[in-house]
N, C-alpha and C. Protein backbone atom coordinates (compact mmCIF):
# COMPACT_ATOMS: atom_id res chain seq x y z
N MET A 1 46.16 -7.99 -53.15
CA MET A 1 45.36 -7.73 -54.36
C MET A 1 44.57 -9.06 -53.79
N LEU A 2 43.33 -8.91 -54.29
CA LEU A 2 42.55 -9.65 -54.48
C LEU A 2 42.87 -10.47 -55.79
N PRO A 3 42.20 -11.79 -55.69
CA PRO A 3 42.55 -13.07 -56.49
C PRO A 3 42.20 -12.45 -57.62
N THR A 4 40.96 -11.70 -58.09
CA THR A 4 40.80 -11.02 -59.01
C THR A 4 41.78 -10.37 -60.03
N GLY A 5 42.81 -9.67 -59.74
CA GLY A 5 43.49 -8.62 -59.51
C GLY A 5 44.98 -9.82 -60.08
N HIS A 6 45.23 -10.65 -59.07
CA HIS A 6 46.23 -11.70 -59.54
C HIS A 6 45.96 -12.85 -60.58
N ILE A 7 44.38 -12.96 -60.54
CA ILE A 7 44.38 -13.96 -62.13
C ILE A 7 44.59 -13.02 -63.32
N VAL A 8 43.81 -11.72 -63.49
CA VAL A 8 43.65 -11.25 -64.58
C VAL A 8 44.96 -10.92 -65.21
N ALA A 9 45.79 -10.73 -64.21
CA ALA A 9 47.27 -10.08 -64.66
C ALA A 9 48.17 -11.21 -65.15
N GLY A 10 48.26 -12.46 -64.53
CA GLY A 10 48.89 -13.58 -64.72
C GLY A 10 48.09 -13.95 -66.64
N PHE A 11 46.56 -13.50 -66.83
CA PHE A 11 46.03 -13.65 -68.19
C PHE A 11 46.66 -12.65 -68.62
N LEU A 12 47.00 -11.38 -68.88
CA LEU A 12 47.39 -10.60 -69.38
C LEU A 12 48.99 -10.76 -69.81
N VAL A 13 49.58 -11.51 -68.70
CA VAL A 13 51.15 -11.88 -69.16
C VAL A 13 51.23 -12.86 -70.21
N ALA A 14 50.31 -14.08 -70.12
CA ALA A 14 50.22 -14.61 -70.85
C ALA A 14 49.84 -14.62 -72.07
N GLN A 15 49.07 -13.56 -72.10
CA GLN A 15 48.57 -13.04 -73.78
C GLN A 15 49.45 -12.48 -73.76
N GLY A 16 50.50 -12.01 -73.43
CA GLY A 16 51.73 -11.02 -73.85
C GLY A 16 52.51 -11.59 -74.57
N LEU A 17 52.71 -12.40 -73.78
CA LEU A 17 53.81 -13.51 -74.79
C LEU A 17 53.60 -14.14 -75.81
N LEU A 18 52.31 -14.60 -75.88
CA LEU A 18 51.81 -15.11 -76.99
C LEU A 18 51.78 -14.07 -78.36
N ILE A 19 51.89 -12.85 -77.87
CA ILE A 19 51.92 -11.72 -78.78
C ILE A 19 53.67 -11.65 -79.45
N VAL A 20 53.99 -11.57 -78.30
CA VAL A 20 55.44 -11.40 -78.58
C VAL A 20 56.27 -12.44 -79.19
N THR A 21 55.88 -13.79 -78.90
CA THR A 21 56.47 -15.25 -79.58
C THR A 21 55.92 -15.42 -81.08
N GLU A 22 54.30 -15.09 -81.15
CA GLU A 22 53.64 -15.73 -82.11
C GLU A 22 54.04 -17.10 -82.67
N PRO A 23 53.50 -18.00 -81.35
CA PRO A 23 53.51 -19.57 -81.87
C PRO A 23 52.51 -19.72 -83.00
N SER A 24 53.17 -20.63 -83.34
CA SER A 24 52.41 -22.21 -83.94
C SER A 24 51.60 -22.88 -83.40
N LEU A 25 50.55 -22.15 -82.91
CA LEU A 25 49.71 -23.13 -81.85
C LEU A 25 48.24 -23.59 -82.34
N THR A 26 47.77 -24.39 -82.22
CA THR A 26 46.27 -24.75 -82.29
C THR A 26 45.55 -23.69 -81.16
N THR A 27 44.17 -23.13 -81.90
CA THR A 27 43.38 -22.57 -80.75
C THR A 27 43.21 -22.96 -79.37
N THR A 28 42.79 -24.29 -79.21
CA THR A 28 43.17 -24.77 -78.07
C THR A 28 44.38 -24.61 -76.91
N GLN A 29 45.31 -25.25 -77.54
CA GLN A 29 46.55 -24.57 -76.86
C GLN A 29 46.80 -23.26 -76.60
N THR A 30 46.66 -22.31 -77.18
CA THR A 30 46.52 -20.99 -77.12
C THR A 30 45.53 -20.54 -75.91
N GLN A 31 44.21 -20.94 -76.00
CA GLN A 31 43.43 -21.02 -74.75
C GLN A 31 44.12 -21.87 -73.62
N ALA A 32 44.40 -23.11 -73.92
CA ALA A 32 45.07 -23.45 -72.56
C ALA A 32 46.28 -22.59 -71.87
N LEU A 33 47.18 -22.04 -72.47
CA LEU A 33 48.11 -20.81 -72.17
C LEU A 33 47.46 -19.81 -71.46
N LEU A 34 46.86 -19.45 -72.22
CA LEU A 34 45.91 -18.19 -71.06
C LEU A 34 45.50 -18.57 -70.15
N TRP A 35 44.61 -19.50 -70.11
CA TRP A 35 43.93 -20.08 -68.86
C TRP A 35 45.25 -20.57 -67.77
N ALA A 36 46.27 -21.42 -67.95
CA ALA A 36 47.67 -21.42 -67.16
C ALA A 36 48.38 -20.12 -66.57
N GLY A 37 47.94 -18.89 -67.69
CA GLY A 37 48.73 -17.66 -66.95
C GLY A 37 47.61 -17.12 -65.90
N ALA A 38 46.06 -17.35 -66.55
CA ALA A 38 45.33 -16.91 -64.97
C ALA A 38 45.51 -17.99 -64.44
N PHE A 39 45.88 -18.56 -64.21
CA PHE A 39 45.87 -20.17 -62.85
C PHE A 39 47.51 -19.60 -62.15
N PHE A 40 48.23 -19.62 -62.97
CA PHE A 40 49.38 -19.29 -62.27
C PHE A 40 49.99 -17.57 -61.43
N GLY A 41 48.45 -17.14 -62.26
CA GLY A 41 48.72 -15.61 -61.39
C GLY A 41 48.28 -15.37 -60.26
N PHE A 42 47.47 -16.78 -59.93
CA PHE A 42 46.93 -16.67 -58.76
C PHE A 42 47.55 -17.84 -57.63
N VAL A 43 48.10 -18.65 -58.34
CA VAL A 43 48.20 -20.16 -57.62
C VAL A 43 49.44 -19.85 -56.41
N PRO A 44 49.98 -18.53 -56.10
CA PRO A 44 50.97 -18.26 -55.16
C PRO A 44 50.19 -18.36 -53.72
N ASP A 45 49.03 -17.89 -53.88
CA ASP A 45 47.82 -17.57 -53.39
C ASP A 45 47.16 -18.81 -52.53
N LEU A 46 47.30 -19.88 -53.32
CA LEU A 46 46.61 -21.24 -52.76
C LEU A 46 46.99 -21.52 -51.46
N ASP A 47 48.24 -21.18 -51.20
CA ASP A 47 48.65 -21.35 -49.78
C ASP A 47 48.04 -20.93 -48.66
N MET A 48 47.18 -20.00 -48.87
CA MET A 48 46.20 -19.58 -47.86
C MET A 48 45.21 -20.92 -47.16
N PHE A 49 45.19 -21.67 -48.20
CA PHE A 49 44.39 -22.80 -47.66
C PHE A 49 44.97 -23.38 -46.56
N TYR A 50 46.51 -23.19 -46.91
CA TYR A 50 47.02 -24.29 -45.59
C TYR A 50 47.16 -23.30 -43.92
N ALA A 51 47.16 -21.95 -44.41
CA ALA A 51 46.77 -20.80 -43.63
C ALA A 51 45.45 -20.74 -42.83
N PHE A 52 44.22 -21.17 -43.84
CA PHE A 52 43.40 -21.73 -42.86
C PHE A 52 43.30 -22.66 -41.92
N PHE A 53 43.51 -24.01 -42.73
CA PHE A 53 44.16 -25.15 -42.00
C PHE A 53 44.90 -24.87 -40.74
N LYS A 54 45.98 -24.60 -40.52
CA LYS A 54 46.41 -23.79 -39.39
C LYS A 54 45.49 -23.52 -38.07
N SER A 55 44.92 -22.18 -38.96
CA SER A 55 44.15 -21.28 -38.22
C SER A 55 42.59 -22.47 -38.00
N LYS A 56 42.24 -23.46 -38.68
CA LYS A 56 41.20 -24.03 -38.11
C LYS A 56 39.73 -23.40 -38.51
N SER A 57 40.29 -22.63 -39.46
CA SER A 57 38.79 -21.97 -40.05
C SER A 57 39.04 -21.10 -41.56
N PHE A 58 38.35 -20.78 -42.12
CA PHE A 58 38.71 -20.03 -43.25
C PHE A 58 38.62 -18.55 -43.12
N THR A 59 39.24 -18.44 -41.96
CA THR A 59 39.58 -16.92 -41.80
C THR A 59 41.35 -17.04 -40.70
N VAL A 60 41.90 -16.14 -41.21
CA VAL A 60 42.97 -16.05 -40.45
C VAL A 60 43.20 -14.80 -39.13
N PRO A 61 42.67 -15.46 -38.14
CA PRO A 61 42.55 -14.37 -36.99
C PRO A 61 44.14 -13.68 -36.60
N GLY A 62 44.15 -11.92 -36.06
CA GLY A 62 45.53 -11.83 -35.68
C GLY A 62 46.48 -11.62 -36.91
N THR A 63 47.55 -11.93 -36.03
CA THR A 63 48.58 -11.87 -36.76
C THR A 63 49.87 -12.81 -36.69
N LYS A 64 49.44 -13.98 -36.22
CA LYS A 64 50.24 -14.92 -36.32
C LYS A 64 50.67 -15.69 -37.39
N ILE A 65 49.16 -15.79 -38.30
CA ILE A 65 49.98 -16.64 -39.20
C ILE A 65 49.82 -15.46 -40.58
N ASN A 66 50.93 -15.60 -41.54
CA ASN A 66 51.05 -14.78 -42.39
C ASN A 66 51.79 -15.78 -43.75
N HIS A 67 50.24 -16.18 -44.60
CA HIS A 67 51.33 -16.95 -45.65
C HIS A 67 51.65 -16.90 -46.86
N ARG A 68 52.30 -15.65 -46.51
CA ARG A 68 53.94 -15.07 -47.64
C ARG A 68 54.79 -15.62 -47.18
N TYR A 69 55.13 -16.57 -45.76
CA TYR A 69 56.13 -16.87 -45.75
C TYR A 69 56.13 -18.54 -45.81
N TYR A 70 55.37 -18.95 -46.46
CA TYR A 70 55.12 -19.90 -47.09
C TYR A 70 56.01 -20.63 -48.64
N LEU A 71 56.21 -21.82 -48.45
CA LEU A 71 56.92 -21.84 -49.83
C LEU A 71 56.61 -21.40 -51.17
N PRO A 72 54.91 -21.58 -51.32
CA PRO A 72 54.43 -20.94 -53.03
C PRO A 72 54.60 -19.62 -53.29
N HIS A 73 55.12 -18.75 -51.97
CA HIS A 73 55.51 -17.41 -51.97
C HIS A 73 56.73 -17.23 -52.28
N ARG A 74 57.50 -17.71 -52.78
CA ARG A 74 59.15 -17.81 -53.13
C ARG A 74 58.97 -17.59 -54.54
N PRO A 75 59.34 -16.45 -55.02
CA PRO A 75 59.58 -16.43 -56.97
C PRO A 75 60.64 -17.61 -57.10
N MET A 76 61.61 -17.88 -56.35
CA MET A 76 62.50 -18.39 -57.21
C MET A 76 62.29 -20.51 -57.36
N VAL A 77 61.36 -20.47 -56.60
CA VAL A 77 60.65 -21.73 -56.57
C VAL A 77 60.00 -21.85 -58.16
N TRP A 78 59.18 -20.90 -58.45
CA TRP A 78 58.11 -20.78 -59.76
C TRP A 78 59.60 -20.39 -60.65
N LEU A 79 60.46 -19.95 -60.38
CA LEU A 79 61.01 -19.26 -61.89
C LEU A 79 62.21 -20.98 -62.00
N ALA A 80 62.38 -21.42 -60.87
CA ALA A 80 63.09 -22.79 -61.43
C ALA A 80 61.84 -23.65 -61.65
N LEU A 81 60.83 -24.40 -61.27
CA LEU A 81 60.07 -24.99 -61.95
C LEU A 81 59.70 -24.73 -63.48
N GLY A 82 59.77 -23.00 -63.92
CA GLY A 82 59.16 -22.95 -65.22
C GLY A 82 60.78 -23.15 -66.18
N ILE A 83 61.83 -23.07 -65.73
CA ILE A 83 62.92 -23.70 -66.02
C ILE A 83 63.04 -25.19 -66.55
N LEU A 84 62.78 -25.66 -65.53
CA LEU A 84 62.59 -27.41 -65.80
C LEU A 84 61.68 -27.73 -66.95
N VAL A 85 60.39 -27.17 -66.82
CA VAL A 85 59.67 -27.37 -67.73
C VAL A 85 59.74 -26.92 -69.27
N SER A 86 60.33 -25.68 -69.39
CA SER A 86 60.90 -25.41 -70.28
C SER A 86 61.98 -26.43 -71.24
N ILE A 87 62.55 -26.61 -69.95
CA ILE A 87 64.25 -27.66 -70.67
C ILE A 87 63.99 -28.62 -71.33
N PHE A 88 63.00 -29.23 -70.48
CA PHE A 88 62.59 -30.76 -70.78
C PHE A 88 61.10 -30.95 -71.60
N ALA A 89 60.81 -29.81 -72.49
CA ALA A 89 59.33 -29.41 -73.34
C ALA A 89 60.20 -30.43 -74.32
N PRO A 90 58.98 -31.39 -74.74
CA PRO A 90 59.13 -31.86 -75.80
C PRO A 90 58.48 -31.45 -77.11
N ASN A 91 57.92 -30.32 -76.89
CA ASN A 91 57.28 -28.90 -78.26
C ASN A 91 57.29 -27.59 -77.71
N GLN A 92 57.13 -26.81 -78.73
CA GLN A 92 56.75 -25.49 -78.48
C GLN A 92 55.58 -25.28 -77.56
N PHE A 93 54.93 -25.80 -77.20
CA PHE A 93 53.70 -25.74 -76.44
C PHE A 93 54.10 -25.85 -74.98
N TRP A 94 54.81 -27.11 -74.56
CA TRP A 94 55.50 -26.89 -73.39
C TRP A 94 56.31 -26.14 -73.24
N GLN A 95 57.07 -25.33 -73.78
CA GLN A 95 58.22 -24.53 -73.65
C GLN A 95 57.99 -23.56 -73.07
N LEU A 96 56.32 -23.03 -73.51
CA LEU A 96 55.83 -21.83 -73.50
C LEU A 96 55.44 -21.76 -72.47
N PHE A 97 54.48 -23.01 -71.92
CA PHE A 97 54.04 -23.27 -70.95
C PHE A 97 54.72 -23.30 -69.65
N GLY A 98 56.04 -23.80 -69.74
CA GLY A 98 56.76 -23.31 -68.69
C GLY A 98 57.37 -21.84 -68.49
N ILE A 99 57.04 -21.03 -69.31
CA ILE A 99 57.46 -19.82 -69.40
C ILE A 99 56.51 -19.23 -68.76
N VAL A 100 55.26 -19.66 -68.79
CA VAL A 100 54.02 -19.12 -68.42
C VAL A 100 53.85 -19.39 -66.69
N ILE A 101 54.41 -20.59 -66.60
CA ILE A 101 54.29 -20.93 -64.91
C ILE A 101 55.31 -19.97 -64.56
N TRP A 102 56.33 -19.53 -64.98
CA TRP A 102 57.22 -18.54 -64.43
C TRP A 102 56.66 -17.08 -64.43
N LEU A 103 56.21 -16.65 -65.52
CA LEU A 103 55.86 -15.08 -65.79
C LEU A 103 54.62 -15.09 -65.07
N GLY A 104 53.85 -15.91 -64.88
CA GLY A 104 52.40 -15.81 -64.83
C GLY A 104 52.72 -15.52 -62.74
N SER A 105 53.51 -16.64 -62.32
CA SER A 105 53.42 -16.44 -60.95
C SER A 105 54.21 -15.09 -60.81
N TRP A 106 55.38 -14.92 -61.41
CA TRP A 106 55.94 -13.74 -61.10
C TRP A 106 55.19 -12.56 -61.10
N SER A 107 54.05 -12.67 -62.02
CA SER A 107 53.03 -11.45 -62.10
C SER A 107 52.33 -10.84 -60.69
N HIS A 108 52.36 -12.26 -60.21
CA HIS A 108 51.45 -12.33 -58.62
C HIS A 108 52.54 -11.50 -57.73
N PHE A 109 53.73 -12.11 -57.68
CA PHE A 109 54.86 -11.50 -57.00
C PHE A 109 55.13 -9.88 -57.23
N LEU A 110 55.17 -9.54 -58.45
CA LEU A 110 55.41 -8.28 -58.21
C LEU A 110 54.13 -7.27 -57.86
N LEU A 111 53.20 -7.54 -58.35
CA LEU A 111 51.95 -7.07 -57.59
C LEU A 111 51.88 -6.94 -55.97
N ASP A 112 52.31 -8.20 -55.53
CA ASP A 112 52.19 -8.17 -54.06
C ASP A 112 53.42 -7.18 -53.85
N SER A 113 54.65 -7.19 -54.25
CA SER A 113 55.63 -6.09 -54.10
C SER A 113 55.45 -4.37 -54.10
N LEU A 114 54.05 -4.52 -54.63
CA LEU A 114 53.71 -2.90 -54.49
C LEU A 114 53.57 -2.52 -52.98
N GLN A 115 52.97 -3.56 -52.25
CA GLN A 115 52.59 -3.16 -50.66
C GLN A 115 52.81 -4.70 -50.03
N VAL A 116 53.39 -5.03 -48.68
CA VAL A 116 53.55 -5.84 -48.18
C VAL A 116 54.91 -6.68 -48.60
N GLY A 117 55.07 -6.93 -49.49
CA GLY A 117 56.52 -7.78 -50.23
C GLY A 117 56.08 -9.13 -50.76
N VAL A 118 57.51 -9.35 -50.87
CA VAL A 118 57.68 -10.58 -51.30
C VAL A 118 59.23 -11.05 -50.82
N MET A 119 59.63 -12.54 -50.44
CA MET A 119 61.19 -12.49 -50.37
C MET A 119 61.36 -12.68 -51.48
N TRP A 120 62.22 -11.69 -52.14
CA TRP A 120 63.02 -11.73 -53.72
C TRP A 120 64.07 -12.50 -53.56
N LEU A 121 64.97 -12.25 -52.16
CA LEU A 121 66.12 -13.08 -52.40
C LEU A 121 66.61 -14.35 -51.83
N TRP A 122 65.00 -14.87 -51.50
CA TRP A 122 65.18 -16.36 -50.91
C TRP A 122 65.73 -17.06 -51.80
N PRO A 123 66.23 -18.29 -51.36
CA PRO A 123 66.79 -18.75 -50.23
C PRO A 123 68.34 -17.94 -49.38
N LEU A 124 68.48 -16.79 -50.27
CA LEU A 124 69.60 -15.92 -49.19
C LEU A 124 69.42 -15.38 -48.23
N ASN A 125 68.37 -14.85 -48.58
CA ASN A 125 67.73 -14.05 -46.94
C ASN A 125 65.94 -14.46 -46.93
N SER A 126 65.38 -14.19 -45.97
CA SER A 126 63.92 -13.99 -45.82
C SER A 126 63.60 -12.68 -45.88
N LYS A 127 64.06 -11.75 -45.89
CA LYS A 127 63.71 -10.28 -46.03
C LYS A 127 62.46 -10.03 -47.40
N PHE A 128 61.37 -9.21 -46.58
CA PHE A 128 60.07 -8.95 -47.88
C PHE A 128 60.70 -7.79 -48.03
N TYR A 129 60.84 -7.41 -49.88
CA TYR A 129 61.08 -6.39 -50.31
C TYR A 129 59.45 -5.79 -51.07
N ALA A 130 59.51 -4.89 -50.39
CA ALA A 130 57.98 -4.24 -51.29
C ALA A 130 58.38 -2.22 -51.45
N LEU A 131 57.40 -1.91 -52.07
CA LEU A 131 57.79 -0.91 -52.24
C LEU A 131 57.00 -0.05 -50.99
N LYS A 132 56.35 -0.53 -50.24
CA LYS A 132 55.64 0.22 -49.28
C LYS A 132 55.19 -1.21 -48.13
N ASP A 133 55.68 -0.41 -47.09
CA ASP A 133 55.02 -1.76 -46.27
C ASP A 133 55.41 -3.11 -45.98
N PRO A 134 56.94 -3.37 -46.01
CA PRO A 134 57.65 -4.89 -46.32
C PRO A 134 57.01 -5.55 -45.07
N GLY A 135 56.65 -6.40 -45.23
CA GLY A 135 56.27 -7.81 -44.06
C GLY A 135 55.34 -6.79 -43.30
N VAL A 136 54.60 -6.30 -43.43
CA VAL A 136 53.46 -5.31 -42.69
C VAL A 136 52.36 -6.81 -42.11
N LYS A 137 51.90 -7.16 -41.35
CA LYS A 137 51.01 -8.19 -41.24
C LYS A 137 49.66 -7.35 -40.53
N GLU A 138 48.79 -7.79 -41.08
CA GLU A 138 47.03 -7.44 -40.99
C GLU A 138 46.79 -7.79 -40.06
N ASN A 139 45.93 -7.68 -38.94
CA ASN A 139 45.08 -7.73 -37.99
C ASN A 139 43.82 -7.38 -38.00
N ASN A 140 43.18 -8.89 -37.99
CA ASN A 140 41.85 -8.85 -38.19
C ASN A 140 41.58 -9.88 -37.44
N ASP A 141 40.80 -9.66 -35.99
CA ASP A 141 40.36 -10.30 -35.46
C ASP A 141 38.98 -10.51 -35.51
N THR A 142 38.24 -10.46 -36.79
CA THR A 142 36.34 -10.33 -36.81
C THR A 142 36.25 -11.75 -36.42
N LYS A 143 35.46 -12.25 -35.55
CA LYS A 143 34.72 -13.07 -36.01
C LYS A 143 33.55 -13.77 -36.94
N GLY A 144 33.73 -14.77 -37.60
CA GLY A 144 32.67 -15.15 -38.29
C GLY A 144 33.31 -14.95 -40.46
N PHE A 145 32.95 -15.94 -41.45
CA PHE A 145 33.77 -16.16 -42.59
C PHE A 145 33.43 -14.73 -43.06
N PHE A 146 32.10 -14.31 -43.19
CA PHE A 146 31.75 -13.14 -44.27
C PHE A 146 32.43 -12.28 -43.48
N ASN A 147 32.24 -11.71 -42.00
CA ASN A 147 32.50 -10.83 -40.98
C ASN A 147 33.85 -10.21 -41.67
N PHE A 148 34.74 -11.47 -41.52
CA PHE A 148 36.06 -11.68 -41.77
C PHE A 148 36.63 -10.93 -42.68
N TRP A 149 35.84 -11.69 -44.13
CA TRP A 149 36.49 -11.22 -45.34
C TRP A 149 35.86 -9.45 -46.03
N ILE A 150 34.83 -9.28 -45.15
CA ILE A 150 34.25 -7.65 -45.65
C ILE A 150 35.15 -7.20 -44.64
N ARG A 151 35.37 -7.30 -43.36
CA ARG A 151 36.44 -6.83 -42.89
C ARG A 151 38.22 -6.45 -43.56
N HIS A 152 38.30 -7.73 -43.70
CA HIS A 152 39.67 -7.32 -44.76
C HIS A 152 39.56 -6.54 -46.23
N LEU A 153 38.83 -6.83 -46.62
CA LEU A 153 38.41 -5.69 -47.91
C LEU A 153 38.33 -4.69 -47.43
N THR A 154 37.95 -3.59 -46.30
CA THR A 154 37.48 -2.40 -45.95
C THR A 154 38.60 -1.99 -45.23
N TYR A 155 39.95 -2.84 -44.82
CA TYR A 155 40.96 -2.62 -44.34
C TYR A 155 41.98 -2.70 -45.71
N PHE A 156 41.91 -2.82 -46.36
CA PHE A 156 42.89 -3.12 -47.20
C PHE A 156 42.55 -2.26 -48.63
N TYR A 157 41.30 -2.36 -48.49
CA TYR A 157 40.54 -1.31 -50.06
C TYR A 157 39.48 -0.30 -49.99
N PRO A 158 39.62 0.97 -50.17
CA PRO A 158 41.01 1.72 -51.01
C PRO A 158 41.42 2.53 -49.65
N LYS A 159 41.30 2.65 -48.45
CA LYS A 159 41.86 3.33 -47.56
C LYS A 159 43.33 2.88 -47.36
N LYS A 160 43.78 1.46 -46.86
CA LYS A 160 45.31 1.35 -47.02
C LYS A 160 46.08 1.35 -47.93
N PHE A 161 45.21 1.00 -48.95
CA PHE A 161 46.58 0.41 -50.06
C PHE A 161 46.10 1.24 -51.45
N THR A 162 45.74 2.64 -51.56
CA THR A 162 44.80 3.08 -52.40
C THR A 162 45.88 2.73 -53.89
N SER A 163 47.08 2.61 -53.70
CA SER A 163 47.92 2.27 -55.34
C SER A 163 47.38 1.00 -55.59
N THR A 164 47.19 -0.04 -54.56
CA THR A 164 46.92 -1.25 -55.18
C THR A 164 45.58 -1.43 -56.03
N PHE A 165 44.73 -0.72 -54.58
CA PHE A 165 43.48 -0.69 -55.61
C PHE A 165 43.36 -0.18 -56.78
N VAL A 166 43.84 1.11 -57.12
CA VAL A 166 43.73 1.55 -58.50
C VAL A 166 44.26 0.78 -59.27
N LEU A 167 45.65 0.25 -59.38
CA LEU A 167 46.19 -0.79 -60.49
C LEU A 167 45.22 -1.72 -60.20
N GLU A 168 44.67 -2.47 -59.64
CA GLU A 168 43.75 -3.50 -59.90
C GLU A 168 42.66 -2.96 -60.68
N LEU A 169 41.84 -1.65 -60.38
CA LEU A 169 40.94 -1.56 -61.49
C LEU A 169 41.83 -1.33 -62.62
N VAL A 170 42.99 -1.08 -62.94
CA VAL A 170 43.12 -0.62 -64.18
C VAL A 170 43.44 -1.80 -64.66
N ILE A 171 43.54 -2.97 -63.89
CA ILE A 171 44.21 -4.14 -64.79
C ILE A 171 42.80 -5.00 -65.27
N LEU A 172 41.99 -4.99 -64.30
CA LEU A 172 40.71 -5.24 -64.80
C LEU A 172 40.10 -4.73 -66.12
N ILE A 173 39.72 -3.08 -65.94
CA ILE A 173 39.67 -2.32 -66.70
C ILE A 173 40.41 -3.04 -68.19
N GLY A 174 41.53 -3.19 -68.12
CA GLY A 174 42.00 -3.13 -69.36
C GLY A 174 41.56 -4.89 -70.02
N THR A 175 41.84 -5.50 -68.97
CA THR A 175 41.55 -7.06 -69.33
C THR A 175 40.43 -7.18 -70.13
N PHE A 176 39.64 -6.30 -69.56
CA PHE A 176 37.90 -6.30 -70.17
C PHE A 176 38.13 -5.73 -71.76
N ILE A 177 38.93 -4.71 -71.75
CA ILE A 177 39.00 -3.88 -73.30
C ILE A 177 39.58 -5.14 -73.96
N VAL A 178 40.68 -5.94 -73.88
CA VAL A 178 41.38 -6.74 -74.28
C VAL A 178 40.33 -7.78 -74.92
N LEU A 179 39.54 -8.17 -74.06
CA LEU A 179 38.74 -9.53 -74.53
C LEU A 179 37.23 -9.26 -75.21
N ILE A 180 37.03 -8.16 -75.30
CA ILE A 180 35.78 -7.51 -76.07
C ILE A 180 36.52 -6.94 -77.26
N SER A 181 37.79 -6.73 -77.56
CA SER A 181 38.09 -6.06 -78.88
C SER A 181 39.06 -7.43 -79.73
């Protein structure tokens, strides 16, 4: 999934949490939780920057480097962090912030679990769990920054991962409707 889909999914999770819990927060705190949801929906993919560092470019050629093997792509890490923040929270805002850390990041993992997968049972095992193509690695040896990313988009969207592409469109359109209403 593209970063936009993960960001929007995290935002929607935070919005849903605020609707369900109806907390007594200021407008600034509410907005901060929505921004946090958007951020934590994307944050597991920040491990791509380490992958870029390892490949010494803003592309990851071939199939040797898979950023989903790195620690930020482990759901239990985010669950533990969210629980710790919530347990030691001095007030309702920080309790909800801990839940947003957990749910925002897990929205990312649920979407990644449609294709390619996530190591849901780590540290017990390192198996990728997905509805389709668990652990698949994209082979993209295209040279040049823009050429690499254009190739990435044409490889995954919409030919290879049609269901993910459609879901991302639905999420984006749904968020647009929520924001304008």
